[in-house]
Amino acid sequence: MGDKIGKVTEVVGRVTGDREVEAKGRVEQDAADPEGSVEEVSEGEIETERQIVRGDHGDIAPKP
């Protein structure tokens, strides 16, 4: 179930253009364990993923 919640969060972020919400959804999906719960995610993990999301959307140039 945690991976589904993460997917919904990611999609909501993508649709609304909120890169932080989209990144949080991706991190939640990665943190979901097989039983379906989501482990606690850190702000650092979300920030790292947010930078990746921004690069994916062309908001920032990728680092060489």
PDB file of N, CA and C in Angstrom:
ATOM      1  N   MET A   1       0.811  -1.189   0.000  1.00  0.00           N
ATOM      2  CA  MET A   1       0.000   0.000   0.000  1.00  0.00           C
ATOM      3  C   MET A   1       0.863   1.265   0.000  1.00  0.00           C
ATOM      4  N   GLY A   2       2.012   1.228   0.680  1.00  0.00           N
ATOM      5  CA  GLY A   2       2.887   2.389   0.730  1.00  0.00           C
ATOM      6  C   GLY A   2       3.384   2.811  -0.633  1.00  0.00           C
ATOM      7  N   ASP A   3       3.665   1.817  -1.493  1.00  0.00           N
ATOM      8  CA  ASP A   3       4.129   2.169  -2.829  1.00  0.00           C
ATOM      9  C   ASP A   3       3.015   2.835  -3.631  1.00  0.00           C
ATOM     10  N   LYS A   4       1.769   2.450  -3.393  1.00  0.00           N
ATOM     11  CA  LYS A   4       0.635   3.072  -4.090  1.00  0.00           C
ATOM     12  C   LYS A   4       0.439   4.511  -3.625  1.00  0.00           C
ATOM     13  N   ILE A   5       0.573   4.737  -2.326  1.00  0.00           N
ATOM     14  CA  ILE A   5       0.467   6.099  -1.795  1.00  0.00           C
ATOM     15  C   ILE A   5       1.574   6.963  -2.379  1.00  0.00           C
ATOM     16  N   GLY A   6       2.779   6.403  -2.451  1.00  0.00           N
ATOM     17  CA  GLY A   6       3.893   7.128  -3.047  1.00  0.00           C
ATOM     18  C   GLY A   6       3.642   7.458  -4.501  1.00  0.00           C
ATOM     19  N   LYS A   7       3.050   6.532  -5.237  1.00  0.00           N
ATOM     20  CA  LYS A   7       2.751   6.762  -6.654  1.00  0.00           C
ATOM     21  C   LYS A   7       1.726   7.883  -6.807  1.00  0.00           C
ATOM     22  N   VAL A   8       0.685   7.852  -5.967  1.00  0.00           N
ATOM     23  CA  VAL A   8      -0.325   8.909  -6.016  1.00  0.00           C
ATOM     24  C   VAL A   8       0.313  10.257  -5.688  1.00  0.00           C
ATOM     25  N   THR A   9       1.157  10.291  -4.671  1.00  0.00           N
ATOM     26  CA  THR A   9       1.840  11.530  -4.295  1.00  0.00           C
ATOM     27  C   THR A   9       2.700  12.035  -5.452  1.00  0.00           C
ATOM     28  N   GLU A  10       3.419  11.121  -6.105  1.00  0.00           N
ATOM     29  CA  GLU A  10       4.253  11.505  -7.244  1.00  0.00           C
ATOM     30  C   GLU A  10       3.404  12.103  -8.365  1.00  0.00           C
ATOM     31  N   VAL A  11       2.289  11.459  -8.689  1.00  0.00           N
ATOM     32  CA  VAL A  11       1.429  11.934  -9.774  1.00  0.00           C
ATOM     33  C   VAL A  11       0.817  13.287  -9.432  1.00  0.00           C
ATOM     34  N   VAL A  12       0.370  13.457  -8.190  1.00  0.00           N
ATOM     35  CA  VAL A  12      -0.187  14.747  -7.779  1.00  0.00           C
ATOM     36  C   VAL A  12       0.862  15.839  -7.946  1.00  0.00           C
ATOM     37  N   GLY A  13       2.079  15.561  -7.526  1.00  0.00           N
ATOM     38  CA  GLY A  13       3.151  16.531  -7.693  1.00  0.00           C
ATOM     39  C   GLY A  13       3.421  16.852  -9.149  1.00  0.00           C
ATOM     40  N   ARG A  14       3.389  15.824  -9.998  1.00  0.00           N
ATOM     41  CA  ARG A  14       3.644  16.040 -11.425  1.00  0.00           C
ATOM     42  C   ARG A  14       2.541  16.892 -12.039  1.00  0.00           C
ATOM     43  N   VAL A  15       1.284  16.581 -11.713  1.00  0.00           N
ATOM     44  CA  VAL A  15       0.147  17.299 -12.294  1.00  0.00           C
ATOM     45  C   VAL A  15       0.110  18.753 -11.826  1.00  0.00           C
ATOM     46  N   THR A  16       0.429  18.978 -10.565  1.00  0.00           N
ATOM     47  CA  THR A  16       0.383  20.342 -10.025  1.00  0.00           C
ATOM     48  C   THR A  16       1.667  21.124 -10.273  1.00  0.00           C
ATOM     49  N   GLY A  17       2.702  20.451 -10.758  1.00  0.00           N
ATOM     50  CA  GLY A  17       3.971  21.120 -11.002  1.00  0.00           C
ATOM     51  C   GLY A  17       4.789  21.328  -9.745  1.00  0.00           C
ATOM     52  N   ASP A  18       4.414  20.641  -8.664  1.00  0.00           N
ATOM     53  CA  ASP A  18       5.129  20.762  -7.393  1.00  0.00           C
ATOM     54  C   ASP A  18       6.216  19.698  -7.346  1.00  0.00           C
ATOM     55  N   ARG A  19       7.442  20.108  -7.644  1.00  0.00           N
ATOM     56  CA  ARG A  19       8.555  19.155  -7.740  1.00  0.00           C
ATOM     57  C   ARG A  19       8.867  18.493  -6.400  1.00  0.00           C
ATOM     58  N   GLU A  20       8.658  19.217  -5.305  1.00  0.00           N
ATOM     59  CA  GLU A  20       8.941  18.635  -3.989  1.00  0.00           C
ATOM     60  C   GLU A  20       7.956  17.501  -3.674  1.00  0.00           C
ATOM     61  N   VAL A  21       6.684  17.696  -3.982  1.00  0.00           N
ATOM     62  CA  VAL A  21       5.687  16.644  -3.750  1.00  0.00           C
ATOM     63  C   VAL A  21       5.983  15.440  -4.644  1.00  0.00           C
ATOM     64  N   GLU A  22       6.318  15.700  -5.887  1.00  0.00           N
ATOM     65  CA  GLU A  22       6.662  14.617  -6.809  1.00  0.00           C
ATOM     66  C   GLU A  22       7.862  13.828  -6.290  1.00  0.00           C
ATOM     67  N   ALA A  23       8.874  14.550  -5.819  1.00  0.00           N
ATOM     68  CA  ALA A  23      10.064  13.894  -5.281  1.00  0.00           C
ATOM     69  C   ALA A  23       9.727  13.080  -4.040  1.00  0.00           C
ATOM     70  N   LYS A  24       8.884  13.631  -3.167  1.00  0.00           N
ATOM     71  CA  LYS A  24       8.492  12.906  -1.957  1.00  0.00           C
ATOM     72  C   LYS A  24       7.788  11.606  -2.326  1.00  0.00           C
ATOM     73  N   GLY A  25       6.954  11.639  -3.343  1.00  0.00           N
ATOM     74  CA  GLY A  25       6.278  10.425  -3.794  1.00  0.00           C
ATOM     75  C   GLY A  25       7.257   9.375  -4.284  1.00  0.00           C
ATOM     76  N   ARG A  26       8.266   9.813  -5.014  1.00  0.00           N
ATOM     77  CA  ARG A  26       9.282   8.866  -5.494  1.00  0.00           C
ATOM     78  C   ARG A  26      10.045   8.234  -4.331  1.00  0.00           C
ATOM     79  N   VAL A  27      10.405   9.059  -3.344  1.00  0.00           N
ATOM     80  CA  VAL A  27      11.141   8.554  -2.184  1.00  0.00           C
ATOM     81  C   VAL A  27      10.253   7.603  -1.387  1.00  0.00           C
ATOM     82  N   GLU A  28       8.971   7.930  -1.235  1.00  0.00           N
ATOM     83  CA  GLU A  28       8.050   7.052  -0.522  1.00  0.00           C
ATOM     84  C   GLU A  28       7.935   5.700  -1.211  1.00  0.00           C
ATOM     85  N   GLN A  29       7.922   5.701  -2.532  1.00  0.00           N
ATOM     86  CA  GLN A  29       7.867   4.434  -3.262  1.00  0.00           C
ATOM     87  C   GLN A  29       9.116   3.600  -2.998  1.00  0.00           C
ATOM     88  N   ASP A  30      10.260   4.251  -2.992  1.00  0.00           N
ATOM     89  CA  ASP A  30      11.517   3.548  -2.727  1.00  0.00           C
ATOM     90  C   ASP A  30      11.575   3.019  -1.302  1.00  0.00           C
ATOM     91  N   ALA A  31      10.945   3.745  -0.364  1.00  0.00           N
ATOM     92  CA  ALA A  31      11.006   3.374   1.050  1.00  0.00           C
ATOM     93  C   ALA A  31       9.949   2.341   1.437  1.00  0.00           C
ATOM     94  N   ALA A  32       8.988   2.087   0.564  1.00  0.00           N
ATOM     95  CA  ALA A  32       7.916   1.141   0.888  1.00  0.00           C
ATOM     96  C   ALA A  32       8.489  -0.268   1.029  1.00  0.00           C
ATOM     97  N   ASP A  33       8.110  -0.922   2.108  1.00  0.00           N
ATOM     98  CA  ASP A  33       8.566  -2.291   2.294  1.00  0.00           C
ATOM     99  C   ASP A  33       7.536  -3.256   1.699  1.00  0.00           C
ATOM    100  N   PRO A  34       7.882  -4.527   1.574  1.00  0.00           N
ATOM    101  CA  PRO A  34       6.981  -5.499   0.944  1.00  0.00           C
ATOM    102  C   PRO A  34       5.618  -5.637   1.631  1.00  0.00           C
ATOM    103  N   GLU A  35       5.539  -5.343   2.928  1.00  0.00           N
ATOM    104  CA  GLU A  35       4.257  -5.444   3.623  1.00  0.00           C
ATOM    105  C   GLU A  35       3.343  -4.269   3.320  1.00  0.00           C
ATOM    106  N   GLY A  36       3.870  -3.252   2.661  1.00  0.00           N
ATOM    107  CA  GLY A  36       3.038  -2.147   2.221  1.00  0.00           C
ATOM    108  C   GLY A  36       3.122  -0.884   3.047  1.00  0.00           C
ATOM    109  N   SER A  37       3.850  -0.892   4.143  1.00  0.00           N
ATOM    110  CA  SER A  37       3.966   0.339   4.913  1.00  0.00           C
ATOM    111  C   SER A  37       5.148   1.150   4.383  1.00  0.00           C
ATOM    112  N   VAL A  38       5.139   2.417   4.693  1.00  0.00           N
ATOM    113  CA  VAL A  38       6.210   3.303   4.244  1.00  0.00           C
ATOM    114  C   VAL A  38       7.097   3.625   5.430  1.00  0.00           C
ATOM    115  N   GLU A  39       8.396   3.418   5.251  1.00  0.00           N
ATOM    116  CA  GLU A  39       9.349   3.817   6.282  1.00  0.00           C
ATOM    117  C   GLU A  39       9.454   5.339   6.276  1.00  0.00           C
ATOM    118  N   GLU A  40       9.910   5.893   7.371  1.00  0.00           N
ATOM    119  CA  GLU A  40      10.088   7.344   7.470  1.00  0.00           C
ATOM    120  C   GLU A  40      11.158   7.789   6.469  1.00  0.00           C
ATOM    121  N   VAL A  41      10.887   8.871   5.759  1.00  0.00           N
ATOM    122  CA  VAL A  41      11.851   9.396   4.798  1.00  0.00           C
ATOM    123  C   VAL A  41      12.399  10.710   5.329  1.00  0.00           C
ATOM    124  N   SER A  42      13.670  10.958   5.056  1.00  0.00           N
ATOM    125  CA  SER A  42      14.320  12.167   5.564  1.00  0.00           C
ATOM    126  C   SER A  42      14.194  13.316   4.573  1.00  0.00           C
ATOM    127  N   GLU A  43      14.336  14.509   5.091  1.00  0.00           N
ATOM    128  CA  GLU A  43      14.317  15.707   4.247  1.00  0.00           C
ATOM    129  C   GLU A  43      15.466  15.680   3.244  1.00  0.00           C
ATOM    130  N   GLY A  44      16.604  15.127   3.660  1.00  0.00           N
ATOM    131  CA  GLY A  44      17.754  15.025   2.765  1.00  0.00           C
ATOM    132  C   GLY A  44      17.471  14.141   1.567  1.00  0.00           C
ATOM    133  N   GLU A  45      16.786  13.026   1.809  1.00  0.00           N
ATOM    134  CA  GLU A  45      16.422  12.128   0.707  1.00  0.00           C
ATOM    135  C   GLU A  45      15.471  12.827  -0.259  1.00  0.00           C
ATOM    136  N   ILE A  46      14.521  13.559   0.290  1.00  0.00           N
ATOM    137  CA  ILE A  46      13.562  14.272  -0.557  1.00  0.00           C
ATOM    138  C   ILE A  46      14.270  15.354  -1.362  1.00  0.00           C
ATOM    139  N   GLU A  47      15.188  16.085  -0.735  1.00  0.00           N
ATOM    140  CA  GLU A  47      15.912  17.151  -1.441  1.00  0.00           C
ATOM    141  C   GLU A  47      16.760  16.579  -2.580  1.00  0.00           C
ATOM    142  N   THR A  48      17.430  15.466  -2.322  1.00  0.00           N
ATOM    143  CA  THR A  48      18.233  14.821  -3.362  1.00  0.00           C
ATOM    144  C   THR A  48      17.346  14.405  -4.534  1.00  0.00           C
ATOM    145  N   GLU A  49      16.220  13.792  -4.230  1.00  0.00           N
ATOM    146  CA  GLU A  49      15.302  13.360  -5.294  1.00  0.00           C
ATOM    147  C   GLU A  49      14.681  14.557  -6.000  1.00  0.00           C
ATOM    148  N   ARG A  50      14.442  15.652  -5.272  1.00  0.00           N
ATOM    149  CA  ARG A  50      13.876  16.858  -5.889  1.00  0.00           C
ATOM    150  C   ARG A  50      14.812  17.403  -6.955  1.00  0.00           C
ATOM    151  N   GLN A  51      16.102  17.366  -6.680  1.00  0.00           N
ATOM    152  CA  GLN A  51      17.067  17.820  -7.680  1.00  0.00           C
ATOM    153  C   GLN A  51      17.024  16.926  -8.925  1.00  0.00           C
ATOM    154  N   ILE A  52      16.854  15.641  -8.715  1.00  0.00           N
ATOM    155  CA  ILE A  52      16.747  14.703  -9.845  1.00  0.00           C
ATOM    156  C   ILE A  52      15.480  14.987 -10.640  1.00  0.00           C
ATOM    157  N   VAL A  53      14.361  15.212  -9.936  1.00  0.00           N
ATOM    158  CA  VAL A  53      13.087  15.512 -10.594  1.00  0.00           C
ATOM    159  C   VAL A  53      13.204  16.796 -11.405  1.00  0.00           C
ATOM    160  N   ARG A  54      13.818  17.821 -10.802  1.00  0.00           N
ATOM    161  CA  ARG A  54      13.991  19.083 -11.533  1.00  0.00           C
ATOM    162  C   ARG A  54      14.816  18.873 -12.797  1.00  0.00           C
ATOM    163  N   GLY A  55      15.835  18.039 -12.727  1.00  0.00           N
ATOM    164  CA  GLY A  55      16.632  17.729 -13.903  1.00  0.00           C
ATOM    165  C   GLY A  55      15.832  16.957 -14.944  1.00  0.00           C
ATOM    166  N   ASP A  56      15.012  16.019 -14.476  1.00  0.00           N
ATOM    167  CA  ASP A  56      14.167  15.235 -15.392  1.00  0.00           C
ATOM    168  C   ASP A  56      13.212  16.125 -16.171  1.00  0.00           C
ATOM    169  N   HIS A  57      12.724  17.179 -15.526  1.00  0.00           N
ATOM    170  CA  HIS A  57      11.759  18.085 -16.161  1.00  0.00           C
ATOM    171  C   HIS A  57      12.432  19.238 -16.884  1.00  0.00           C
ATOM    172  N   GLY A  58      13.749  19.295 -16.838  1.00  0.00           N
ATOM    173  CA  GLY A  58      14.476  20.356 -17.532  1.00  0.00           C
ATOM    174  C   GLY A  58      14.460  21.674 -16.797  1.00  0.00           C
ATOM    175  N   ASP A  59      14.104  21.652 -15.508  1.00  0.00           N
ATOM    176  CA  ASP A  59      14.104  22.880 -14.721  1.00  0.00           C
ATOM    177  C   ASP A  59      15.526  23.381 -14.463  1.00  0.00           C
ATOM    178  N   ILE A  60      16.455  22.460 -14.382  1.00  0.00           N
ATOM    179  CA  ILE A  60      17.868  22.803 -14.176  1.00  0.00           C
ATOM    180  C   ILE A  60      18.703  21.939 -15.115  1.00  0.00           C
ATOM    181  N   ALA A  61      19.845  22.460 -15.458  1.00  0.00           N
ATOM    182  CA  ALA A  61      20.756  21.679 -16.305  1.00  0.00           C
ATOM    183  C   ALA A  61      21.408  20.604 -15.467  1.00  0.00           C
ATOM    184  N   PRO A  62      21.555  19.385 -16.004  1.00  0.00           N
ATOM    185  CA  PRO A  62      22.221  18.328 -15.237  1.00  0.00           C
ATOM    186  C   PRO A  62      23.684  18.677 -14.991  1.00  0.00           C
ATOM    187  N   LYS A  63      24.188  18.243 -13.852  1.00  0.00           N
ATOM    188  CA  LYS A  63      25.599  18.485 -13.549  1.00  0.00           C
ATOM    189  C   LYS A  63      26.462  17.535 -14.355  1.00  0.00           C
ATOM    190  N   PRO A  64      27.594  18.043 -14.879  1.00  0.00           N
ATOM    191  CA  PRO A  64      28.470  17.186 -15.695  1.00  0.00           C
ATOM    192  C   PRO A  64      29.178  16.130 -14.889  1.00  0.00           C
TER     193      PRO A  64
END
